[in-house]
Amino acid sequence: LIDGQPLPEEGRPLARLRADIGMVFQSFNLFPHKTVIDNVML
């Protein structure tokens, strides 16, 4: 549960939830062809 709601399985509800959860990985996963500020703005 996230904020009292079950984790959506797929589709737009899952995309909306992922937008509310920031994730930082071991590998930085930045877009190599974009500048730092463009990565942050995207």
ModelCIF file with pLDDT and N, C-alpha, C, O atoms, coordinates in Angstrom:
data_MODEL
#
_entry.id   MODEL 
#
_entity.id                         1 
_entity.type                       polymer 
_entity.pdbx_number_of_molecules   1 
#
_entity_poly.entity_id                      1 
_entity_poly.type                           'polypeptide(L)' 
_entity_poly.nstd_linkage                   no 
_entity_poly.nstd_monomer                   no 
_entity_poly.pdbx_seq_one_letter_code       LIDGQPLPEEGRPLARLRADIGMVFQSFNLFPHKTVIDNVML 
_entity_poly.pdbx_seq_one_letter_code_can   LIDGQPLPEEGRPLARLRADIGMVFQSFNLFPHKTVIDNVML 
_entity_poly.pdbx_strand_id                 A 
#
loop_
_entity_poly_seq.entity_id 
_entity_poly_seq.num 
_entity_poly_seq.mon_id 
_entity_poly_seq.hetero 
1 1  LEU n 
1 2  ILE n 
1 3  ASP n 
1 4  GLY n 
1 5  GLN n 
1 6  PRO n 
1 7  LEU n 
1 8  PRO n 
1 9  GLU n 
1 10 GLU n 
1 11 GLY n 
1 12 ARG n 
1 13 PRO n 
1 14 LEU n 
1 15 ALA n 
1 16 ARG n 
1 17 LEU n 
1 18 ARG n 
1 19 ALA n 
1 20 ASP n 
1 21 ILE n 
1 22 GLY n 
1 23 MET n 
1 24 VAL n 
1 25 PHE n 
1 26 GLN n 
1 27 SER n 
1 28 PHE n 
1 29 ASN n 
1 30 LEU n 
1 31 PHE n 
1 32 PRO n 
1 33 HIS n 
1 34 LYS n 
1 35 THR n 
1 36 VAL n 
1 37 ILE n 
1 38 ASP n 
1 39 ASN n 
1 40 VAL n 
1 41 MET n 
1 42 LEU n 
#
_struct_asym.id          A 
_struct_asym.entity_id   1 
#
loop_
_ma_qa_metric.id 
_ma_qa_metric.mode 
_ma_qa_metric.name 
_ma_qa_metric.software_group_id 
_ma_qa_metric.type 
1 global pLDDT . pLDDT 
2 local  pLDDT . pLDDT 
#
_ma_qa_metric_global.metric_id      1 
_ma_qa_metric_global.metric_value   89.29 
_ma_qa_metric_global.model_id       1 
_ma_qa_metric_global.ordinal_id     1 
#
loop_
_ma_qa_metric_local.label_asym_id 
_ma_qa_metric_local.label_comp_id 
_ma_qa_metric_local.label_seq_id 
_ma_qa_metric_local.metric_id 
_ma_qa_metric_local.metric_value 
_ma_qa_metric_local.model_id 
_ma_qa_metric_local.ordinal_id 
A LEU 1  2 92.00 1 1  
A ILE 2  2 92.00 1 2  
A ASP 3  2 89.00 1 3  
A GLY 4  2 88.00 1 4  
A GLN 5  2 87.00 1 5  
A PRO 6  2 88.00 1 6  
A LEU 7  2 86.00 1 7  
A PRO 8  2 82.00 1 8  
A GLU 9  2 81.00 1 9  
A GLU 10 2 80.00 1 10 
A GLY 11 2 83.00 1 11 
A ARG 12 2 84.00 1 12 
A PRO 13 2 82.00 1 13 
A LEU 14 2 85.00 1 14 
A ALA 15 2 85.00 1 15 
A ARG 16 2 85.00 1 16 
A LEU 17 2 84.00 1 17 
A ARG 18 2 84.00 1 18 
A ALA 19 2 86.00 1 19 
A ASP 20 2 90.00 1 20 
A ILE 21 2 92.00 1 21 
A GLY 22 2 92.00 1 22 
A MET 23 2 92.00 1 23 
A VAL 24 2 93.00 1 24 
A PHE 25 2 88.00 1 25 
A GLN 26 2 84.00 1 26 
A SER 27 2 84.00 1 27 
A PHE 28 2 82.00 1 28 
A ASN 29 2 86.00 1 29 
A LEU 30 2 93.00 1 30 
A PHE 31 2 94.00 1 31 
A PRO 32 2 94.00 1 32 
A HIS 33 2 96.00 1 33 
A LYS 34 2 96.00 1 34 
A THR 35 2 97.00 1 35 
A VAL 36 2 97.00 1 36 
A ILE 37 2 97.00 1 37 
A ASP 38 2 97.00 1 38 
A ASN 39 2 96.00 1 39 
A VAL 40 2 96.00 1 40 
A MET 41 2 96.00 1 41 
A LEU 42 2 95.00 1 42 
#
loop_
_atom_site.group_PDB 
_atom_site.id 
_atom_site.type_symbol 
_atom_site.label_atom_id 
_atom_site.label_alt_id 
_atom_site.label_comp_id 
_atom_site.label_asym_id 
_atom_site.label_entity_id 
_atom_site.label_seq_id 
_atom_site.pdbx_PDB_ins_code 
_atom_site.Cartn_x 
_atom_site.Cartn_y 
_atom_site.Cartn_z 
_atom_site.occupancy 
_atom_site.B_iso_or_equiv 
_atom_site.pdbx_formal_charge 
_atom_site.auth_seq_id 
_atom_site.auth_comp_id 
_atom_site.auth_asym_id 
_atom_site.auth_atom_id 
_atom_site.pdbx_PDB_model_num 
ATOM 1   N N  . LEU A 1 1  ? 0.842  -1.189 0.000   1.00 92.00 ? 1  LEU A N  1 
ATOM 2   C CA . LEU A 1 1  ? 0.000  0.000  0.000   1.00 92.00 ? 1  LEU A CA 1 
ATOM 3   C C  . LEU A 1 1  ? 0.879  1.241  0.000   1.00 92.00 ? 1  LEU A C  1 
ATOM 4   O O  . LEU A 1 1  ? 1.870  1.311  0.727   1.00 92.00 ? 1  LEU A O  1 
ATOM 5   N N  . ILE A 1 2  ? 0.511  2.217  -0.818  1.00 92.00 ? 2  ILE A N  1 
ATOM 6   C CA . ILE A 1 2  ? 1.157  3.526  -0.826  1.00 92.00 ? 2  ILE A CA 1 
ATOM 7   C C  . ILE A 1 2  ? 0.098  4.555  -0.478  1.00 92.00 ? 2  ILE A C  1 
ATOM 8   O O  . ILE A 1 2  ? -0.898 4.703  -1.187  1.00 92.00 ? 2  ILE A O  1 
ATOM 9   N N  . ASP A 1 3  ? 0.319  5.262  0.616   1.00 89.00 ? 3  ASP A N  1 
ATOM 10  C CA . ASP A 1 3  ? -0.676 6.230  1.088   1.00 89.00 ? 3  ASP A CA 1 
ATOM 11  C C  . ASP A 1 3  ? -2.050 5.592  1.267   1.00 89.00 ? 3  ASP A C  1 
ATOM 12  O O  . ASP A 1 3  ? -3.071 6.217  0.980   1.00 89.00 ? 3  ASP A O  1 
ATOM 13  N N  . GLY A 1 4  ? -2.073 4.353  1.739   1.00 88.00 ? 4  GLY A N  1 
ATOM 14  C CA . GLY A 1 4  ? -3.318 3.659  2.015   1.00 88.00 ? 4  GLY A CA 1 
ATOM 15  C C  . GLY A 1 4  ? -3.971 2.991  0.819   1.00 88.00 ? 4  GLY A C  1 
ATOM 16  O O  . GLY A 1 4  ? -4.996 2.324  0.961   1.00 88.00 ? 4  GLY A O  1 
ATOM 17  N N  . GLN A 1 5  ? -3.369 3.171  -0.389  1.00 87.00 ? 5  GLN A N  1 
ATOM 18  C CA . GLN A 1 5  ? -3.952 2.602  -1.608  1.00 87.00 ? 5  GLN A CA 1 
ATOM 19  C C  . GLN A 1 5  ? -3.086 1.450  -2.122  1.00 87.00 ? 5  GLN A C  1 
ATOM 20  O O  . GLN A 1 5  ? -1.859 1.548  -2.107  1.00 87.00 ? 5  GLN A O  1 
ATOM 21  N N  . PRO A 1 6  ? -3.714 0.354  -2.579  1.00 88.00 ? 6  PRO A N  1 
ATOM 22  C CA . PRO A 1 6  ? -2.933 -0.755 -3.123  1.00 88.00 ? 6  PRO A CA 1 
ATOM 23  C C  . PRO A 1 6  ? -2.089 -0.307 -4.317  1.00 88.00 ? 6  PRO A C  1 
ATOM 24  O O  . PRO A 1 6  ? -2.506 0.538  -5.109  1.00 88.00 ? 6  PRO A O  1 
ATOM 25  N N  . LEU A 1 7  ? -0.917 -0.882 -4.426  1.00 86.00 ? 7  LEU A N  1 
ATOM 26  C CA . LEU A 1 7  ? -0.017 -0.575 -5.536  1.00 86.00 ? 7  LEU A CA 1 
ATOM 27  C C  . LEU A 1 7  ? -0.684 -0.973 -6.853  1.00 86.00 ? 7  LEU A C  1 
ATOM 28  O O  . LEU A 1 7  ? -1.046 -2.137 -7.025  1.00 86.00 ? 7  LEU A O  1 
ATOM 29  N N  . PRO A 1 8  ? -0.855 -0.022 -7.795  1.00 82.00 ? 8  PRO A N  1 
ATOM 30  C CA . PRO A 1 8  ? -1.490 -0.376 -9.071  1.00 82.00 ? 8  PRO A CA 1 
ATOM 31  C C  . PRO A 1 8  ? -0.645 -1.393 -9.835  1.00 82.00 ? 8  PRO A C  1 
ATOM 32  O O  . PRO A 1 8  ? 0.578  -1.432 -9.696  1.00 82.00 ? 8  PRO A O  1 
ATOM 33  N N  . GLU A 1 9  ? -1.309 -2.208 -10.637 1.00 81.00 ? 9  GLU A N  1 
ATOM 34  C CA . GLU A 1 9  ? -0.585 -3.261 -11.346 1.00 81.00 ? 9  GLU A CA 1 
ATOM 35  C C  . GLU A 1 9  ? 0.014  -2.771 -12.661 1.00 81.00 ? 9  GLU A C  1 
ATOM 36  O O  . GLU A 1 9  ? 1.090  -3.221 -13.056 1.00 81.00 ? 9  GLU A O  1 
ATOM 37  N N  . GLU A 1 10 ? -0.662 -1.865 -13.334 1.00 80.00 ? 10 GLU A N  1 
ATOM 38  C CA . GLU A 1 10 ? -0.162 -1.436 -14.644 1.00 80.00 ? 10 GLU A CA 1 
ATOM 39  C C  . GLU A 1 10 ? -0.896 -0.178 -15.091 1.00 80.00 ? 10 GLU A C  1 
ATOM 40  O O  . GLU A 1 10 ? -1.764 0.343  -14.391 1.00 80.00 ? 10 GLU A O  1 
ATOM 41  N N  . GLY A 1 11 ? -0.522 0.295  -16.283 1.00 83.00 ? 11 GLY A N  1 
ATOM 42  C CA . GLY A 1 11 ? -1.236 1.400  -16.914 1.00 83.00 ? 11 GLY A CA 1 
ATOM 43  C C  . GLY A 1 11 ? -0.996 2.750  -16.263 1.00 83.00 ? 11 GLY A C  1 
ATOM 44  O O  . GLY A 1 11 ? -0.004 2.961  -15.565 1.00 83.00 ? 11 GLY A O  1 
ATOM 45  N N  . ARG A 1 12 ? -1.928 3.654  -16.509 1.00 84.00 ? 12 ARG A N  1 
ATOM 46  C CA . ARG A 1 12 ? -1.775 5.031  -16.032 1.00 84.00 ? 12 ARG A CA 1 
ATOM 47  C C  . ARG A 1 12 ? -1.705 5.156  -14.515 1.00 84.00 ? 12 ARG A C  1 
ATOM 48  O O  . ARG A 1 12 ? -0.923 5.959  -14.005 1.00 84.00 ? 12 ARG A O  1 
ATOM 49  N N  . PRO A 1 13 ? -2.517 4.367  -13.769 1.00 82.00 ? 13 PRO A N  1 
ATOM 50  C CA . PRO A 1 13 ? -2.402 4.478  -12.305 1.00 82.00 ? 13 PRO A CA 1 
ATOM 51  C C  . PRO A 1 13 ? -0.992 4.171  -11.809 1.00 82.00 ? 13 PRO A C  1 
ATOM 52  O O  . PRO A 1 13 ? -0.494 4.830  -10.897 1.00 82.00 ? 13 PRO A O  1 
ATOM 53  N N  . LEU A 1 14 ? -0.347 3.164  -12.415 1.00 85.00 ? 14 LEU A N  1 
ATOM 54  C CA . LEU A 1 14 ? 1.025  2.832  -12.020 1.00 85.00 ? 14 LEU A CA 1 
ATOM 55  C C  . LEU A 1 14 ? 1.980  3.949  -12.427 1.00 85.00 ? 14 LEU A C  1 
ATOM 56  O O  . LEU A 1 14 ? 2.880  4.298  -11.664 1.00 85.00 ? 14 LEU A O  1 
ATOM 57  N N  . ALA A 1 15 ? 1.799  4.507  -13.608 1.00 85.00 ? 15 ALA A N  1 
ATOM 58  C CA . ALA A 1 15 ? 2.646  5.612  -14.059 1.00 85.00 ? 15 ALA A CA 1 
ATOM 59  C C  . ALA A 1 15 ? 2.513  6.813  -13.127 1.00 85.00 ? 15 ALA A C  1 
ATOM 60  O O  . ALA A 1 15 ? 3.504  7.472  -12.810 1.00 85.00 ? 15 ALA A O  1 
ATOM 61  N N  . ARG A 1 16 ? 1.271  7.099  -12.684 1.00 85.00 ? 16 ARG A N  1 
ATOM 62  C CA . ARG A 1 16 ? 1.051  8.220  -11.757 1.00 85.00 ? 16 ARG A CA 1 
ATOM 63  C C  . ARG A 1 16 ? 1.756  7.967  -10.431 1.00 85.00 ? 16 ARG A C  1 
ATOM 64  O O  . ARG A 1 16 ? 2.370  8.865  -9.854  1.00 85.00 ? 16 ARG A O  1 
ATOM 65  N N  . LEU A 1 17 ? 1.656  6.719  -9.957  1.00 84.00 ? 17 LEU A N  1 
ATOM 66  C CA . LEU A 1 17 ? 2.311  6.385  -8.697  1.00 84.00 ? 17 LEU A CA 1 
ATOM 67  C C  . LEU A 1 17 ? 3.831  6.535  -8.821  1.00 84.00 ? 17 LEU A C  1 
ATOM 68  O O  . LEU A 1 17 ? 4.481  7.097  -7.940  1.00 84.00 ? 17 LEU A O  1 
ATOM 69  N N  . ARG A 1 18 ? 4.383  6.030  -9.916  1.00 84.00 ? 18 ARG A N  1 
ATOM 70  C CA . ARG A 1 18 ? 5.846  6.119  -10.099 1.00 84.00 ? 18 ARG A CA 1 
ATOM 71  C C  . ARG A 1 18 ? 6.313  7.562  -10.167 1.00 84.00 ? 18 ARG A C  1 
ATOM 72  O O  . ARG A 1 18 ? 7.437  7.873  -9.773  1.00 84.00 ? 18 ARG A O  1 
ATOM 73  N N  . ALA A 1 19 ? 5.456  8.445  -10.664 1.00 86.00 ? 19 ALA A N  1 
ATOM 74  C CA . ALA A 1 19 ? 5.809  9.864  -10.692 1.00 86.00 ? 19 ALA A CA 1 
ATOM 75  C C  . ALA A 1 19 ? 5.942  10.434 -9.287  1.00 86.00 ? 19 ALA A C  1 
ATOM 76  O O  . ALA A 1 19 ? 6.632  11.432 -9.081  1.00 86.00 ? 19 ALA A O  1 
ATOM 77  N N  . ASP A 1 20 ? 5.280  9.800  -8.317  1.00 90.00 ? 20 ASP A N  1 
ATOM 78  C CA . ASP A 1 20 ? 5.321  10.261 -6.931  1.00 90.00 ? 20 ASP A CA 1 
ATOM 79  C C  . ASP A 1 20 ? 6.410  9.584  -6.107  1.00 90.00 ? 20 ASP A C  1 
ATOM 80  O O  . ASP A 1 20 ? 6.595  9.904  -4.933  1.00 90.00 ? 20 ASP A O  1 
ATOM 81  N N  . ILE A 1 21 ? 7.133  8.643  -6.726  1.00 92.00 ? 21 ILE A N  1 
ATOM 82  C CA . ILE A 1 21 ? 8.187  7.921  -6.012  1.00 92.00 ? 21 ILE A CA 1 
ATOM 83  C C  . ILE A 1 21 ? 9.501  8.146  -6.763  1.00 92.00 ? 21 ILE A C  1 
ATOM 84  O O  . ILE A 1 21 ? 9.684  7.647  -7.873  1.00 92.00 ? 21 ILE A O  1 
ATOM 85  N N  . GLY A 1 22 ? 10.407 8.899  -6.147  1.00 92.00 ? 22 GLY A N  1 
ATOM 86  C CA . GLY A 1 22 ? 11.721 9.106  -6.753  1.00 92.00 ? 22 GLY A CA 1 
ATOM 87  C C  . GLY A 1 22 ? 12.617 7.923  -6.464  1.00 92.00 ? 22 GLY A C  1 
ATOM 88  O O  . GLY A 1 22 ? 12.588 7.376  -5.362  1.00 92.00 ? 22 GLY A O  1 
ATOM 89  N N  . MET A 1 23 ? 13.415 7.519  -7.446  1.00 92.00 ? 23 MET A N  1 
ATOM 90  C CA . MET A 1 23 ? 14.315 6.384  -7.216  1.00 92.00 ? 23 MET A CA 1 
ATOM 91  C C  . MET A 1 23 ? 15.710 6.718  -7.716  1.00 92.00 ? 23 MET A C  1 
ATOM 92  O O  . MET A 1 23 ? 15.889 7.232  -8.820  1.00 92.00 ? 23 MET A O  1 
ATOM 93  N N  . VAL A 1 24 ? 16.688 6.416  -6.883  1.00 93.00 ? 24 VAL A N  1 
ATOM 94  C CA . VAL A 1 24 ? 18.095 6.627  -7.221  1.00 93.00 ? 24 VAL A CA 1 
ATOM 95  C C  . VAL A 1 24 ? 18.786 5.274  -7.157  1.00 93.00 ? 24 VAL A C  1 
ATOM 96  O O  . VAL A 1 24 ? 18.748 4.592  -6.133  1.00 93.00 ? 24 VAL A O  1 
ATOM 97  N N  . PHE A 1 25 ? 19.421 4.892  -8.269  1.00 88.00 ? 25 PHE A N  1 
ATOM 98  C CA . PHE A 1 25 ? 19.983 3.555  -8.417  1.00 88.00 ? 25 PHE A CA 1 
ATOM 99  C C  . PHE A 1 25 ? 21.499 3.563  -8.178  1.00 88.00 ? 25 PHE A C  1 
ATOM 100 O O  . PHE A 1 25 ? 22.117 4.616  -8.018  1.00 88.00 ? 25 PHE A O  1 
ATOM 101 N N  . GLN A 1 26 ? 22.077 2.351  -8.159  1.00 84.00 ? 26 GLN A N  1 
ATOM 102 C CA . GLN A 1 26 ? 23.543 2.245  -8.083  1.00 84.00 ? 26 GLN A CA 1 
ATOM 103 C C  . GLN A 1 26 ? 24.181 2.904  -9.300  1.00 84.00 ? 26 GLN A C  1 
ATOM 104 O O  . GLN A 1 26 ? 25.098 3.716  -9.171  1.00 84.00 ? 26 GLN A O  1 
ATOM 105 N N  . SER A 1 27 ? 23.686 2.546  -10.485 1.00 84.00 ? 27 SER A N  1 
ATOM 106 C CA . SER A 1 27 ? 24.152 3.190  -11.720 1.00 84.00 ? 27 SER A CA 1 
ATOM 107 C C  . SER A 1 27 ? 23.249 4.391  -11.940 1.00 84.00 ? 27 SER A C  1 
ATOM 108 O O  . SER A 1 27 ? 22.052 4.325  -11.662 1.00 84.00 ? 27 SER A O  1 
ATOM 109 N N  . PHE A 1 28 ? 23.794 5.459  -12.424 1.00 82.00 ? 28 PHE A N  1 
ATOM 110 C CA . PHE A 1 28 ? 23.125 6.756  -12.305 1.00 82.00 ? 28 PHE A CA 1 
ATOM 111 C C  . PHE A 1 28 ? 21.934 6.902  -13.241 1.00 82.00 ? 28 PHE A C  1 
ATOM 112 O O  . PHE A 1 28 ? 21.020 7.683  -12.979 1.00 82.00 ? 28 PHE A O  1 
ATOM 113 N N  . ASN A 1 29 ? 21.950 6.131  -14.356 1.00 86.00 ? 29 ASN A N  1 
ATOM 114 C CA . ASN A 1 29 ? 20.794 6.086  -15.272 1.00 86.00 ? 29 ASN A CA 1 
ATOM 115 C C  . ASN A 1 29 ? 20.421 7.456  -15.844 1.00 86.00 ? 29 ASN A C  1 
ATOM 116 O O  . ASN A 1 29 ? 19.252 7.709  -16.137 1.00 86.00 ? 29 ASN A O  1 
ATOM 117 N N  . LEU A 1 30 ? 21.402 8.331  -16.002 1.00 93.00 ? 30 LEU A N  1 
ATOM 118 C CA . LEU A 1 30 ? 21.141 9.606  -16.672 1.00 93.00 ? 30 LEU A CA 1 
ATOM 119 C C  . LEU A 1 30 ? 21.144 9.383  -18.181 1.00 93.00 ? 30 LEU A C  1 
ATOM 120 O O  . LEU A 1 30 ? 21.814 8.480  -18.681 1.00 93.00 ? 30 LEU A O  1 
ATOM 121 N N  . PHE A 1 31 ? 20.394 10.209 -18.897 1.00 94.00 ? 31 PHE A N  1 
ATOM 122 C CA . PHE A 1 31 ? 20.417 10.125 -20.362 1.00 94.00 ? 31 PHE A CA 1 
ATOM 123 C C  . PHE A 1 31 ? 21.723 10.733 -20.862 1.00 94.00 ? 31 PHE A C  1 
ATOM 124 O O  . PHE A 1 31 ? 21.959 11.924 -20.660 1.00 94.00 ? 31 PHE A O  1 
ATOM 125 N N  . PRO A 1 32 ? 22.581 9.935  -21.516 1.00 94.00 ? 32 PRO A N  1 
ATOM 126 C CA . PRO A 1 32 ? 23.916 10.430 -21.869 1.00 94.00 ? 32 PRO A CA 1 
ATOM 127 C C  . PRO A 1 32 ? 23.910 11.541 -22.915 1.00 94.00 ? 32 PRO A C  1 
ATOM 128 O O  . PRO A 1 32 ? 24.845 12.340 -22.975 1.00 94.00 ? 32 PRO A O  1 
ATOM 129 N N  . HIS A 1 33 ? 22.851 11.596 -23.747 1.00 96.00 ? 33 HIS A N  1 
ATOM 130 C CA . HIS A 1 33 ? 22.812 12.564 -24.840 1.00 96.00 ? 33 HIS A CA 1 
ATOM 131 C C  . HIS A 1 33 ? 22.164 13.887 -24.414 1.00 96.00 ? 33 HIS A C  1 
ATOM 132 O O  . HIS A 1 33 ? 22.024 14.802 -25.226 1.00 96.00 ? 33 HIS A O  1 
ATOM 133 N N  . LYS A 1 34 ? 21.772 13.981 -23.144 1.00 96.00 ? 34 LYS A N  1 
ATOM 134 C CA . LYS A 1 34 ? 21.167 15.220 -22.640 1.00 96.00 ? 34 LYS A CA 1 
ATOM 135 C C  . LYS A 1 34 ? 22.073 15.840 -21.585 1.00 96.00 ? 34 LYS A C  1 
ATOM 136 O O  . LYS A 1 34 ? 22.763 15.135 -20.849 1.00 96.00 ? 34 LYS A O  1 
ATOM 137 N N  . THR A 1 35 ? 22.063 17.166 -21.524 1.00 97.00 ? 35 THR A N  1 
ATOM 138 C CA . THR A 1 35 ? 22.843 17.838 -20.494 1.00 97.00 ? 35 THR A CA 1 
ATOM 139 C C  . THR A 1 35 ? 22.255 17.548 -19.117 1.00 97.00 ? 35 THR A C  1 
ATOM 140 O O  . THR A 1 35 ? 21.145 17.029 -18.999 1.00 97.00 ? 35 THR A O  1 
ATOM 141 N N  . VAL A 1 36 ? 23.010 17.890 -18.088 1.00 97.00 ? 36 VAL A N  1 
ATOM 142 C CA . VAL A 1 36 ? 22.550 17.653 -16.723 1.00 97.00 ? 36 VAL A CA 1 
ATOM 143 C C  . VAL A 1 36 ? 21.219 18.356 -16.476 1.00 97.00 ? 36 VAL A C  1 
ATOM 144 O O  . VAL A 1 36 ? 20.287 17.747 -15.950 1.00 97.00 ? 36 VAL A O  1 
ATOM 145 N N  . ILE A 1 37 ? 21.122 19.628 -16.849 1.00 97.00 ? 37 ILE A N  1 
ATOM 146 C CA . ILE A 1 37 ? 19.878 20.349 -16.570 1.00 97.00 ? 37 ILE A CA 1 
ATOM 147 C C  . ILE A 1 37 ? 18.719 19.794 -17.386 1.00 97.00 ? 37 ILE A C  1 
ATOM 148 O O  . ILE A 1 37 ? 17.583 19.777 -16.912 1.00 97.00 ? 37 ILE A O  1 
ATOM 149 N N  . ASP A 1 38 ? 18.988 19.340 -18.602 1.00 97.00 ? 38 ASP A N  1 
ATOM 150 C CA . ASP A 1 38 ? 17.921 18.728 -19.402 1.00 97.00 ? 38 ASP A CA 1 
ATOM 151 C C  . ASP A 1 38 ? 17.453 17.413 -18.787 1.00 97.00 ? 38 ASP A C  1 
ATOM 152 O O  . ASP A 1 38 ? 16.262 17.101 -18.823 1.00 97.00 ? 38 ASP A O  1 
ATOM 153 N N  . ASN A 1 39 ? 18.382 16.640 -18.221 1.00 96.00 ? 39 ASN A N  1 
ATOM 154 C CA . ASN A 1 39 ? 18.005 15.421 -17.505 1.00 96.00 ? 39 ASN A CA 1 
ATOM 155 C C  . ASN A 1 39 ? 17.056 15.734 -16.357 1.00 96.00 ? 39 ASN A C  1 
ATOM 156 O O  . ASN A 1 39 ? 16.075 15.023 -16.143 1.00 96.00 ? 39 ASN A O  1 
ATOM 157 N N  . VAL A 1 40 ? 17.350 16.799 -15.622 1.00 96.00 ? 40 VAL A N  1 
ATOM 158 C CA . VAL A 1 40 ? 16.543 17.153 -14.452 1.00 96.00 ? 40 VAL A CA 1 
ATOM 159 C C  . VAL A 1 40 ? 15.185 17.721 -14.872 1.00 96.00 ? 40 VAL A C  1 
ATOM 160 O O  . VAL A 1 40 ? 14.187 17.513 -14.183 1.00 96.00 ? 40 VAL A O  1 
ATOM 161 N N  . MET A 1 41 ? 15.146 18.435 -15.998 1.00 96.00 ? 41 MET A N  1 
ATOM 162 C CA . MET A 1 41 ? 13.905 19.056 -16.461 1.00 96.00 ? 41 MET A CA 1 
ATOM 163 C C  . MET A 1 41 ? 12.932 18.076 -17.111 1.00 96.00 ? 41 MET A C  1 
ATOM 164 O O  . MET A 1 41 ? 11.726 18.324 -17.143 1.00 96.00 ? 41 MET A O  1 
ATOM 165 N N  . LEU A 1 42 ? 13.445 16.980 -17.623 1.00 95.00 ? 42 LEU A N  1 
ATOM 166 C CA . LEU A 1 42 ? 12.659 16.105 -18.499 1.00 95.00 ? 42 LEU A CA 1 
ATOM 167 C C  . LEU A 1 42 ? 11.366 15.607 -17.847 1.00 95.00 ? 42 LEU A C  1 
ATOM 168 O O  . LEU A 1 42 ? 10.608 14.863 -18.470 1.00 95.00 ? 42 LEU A O  1 
#
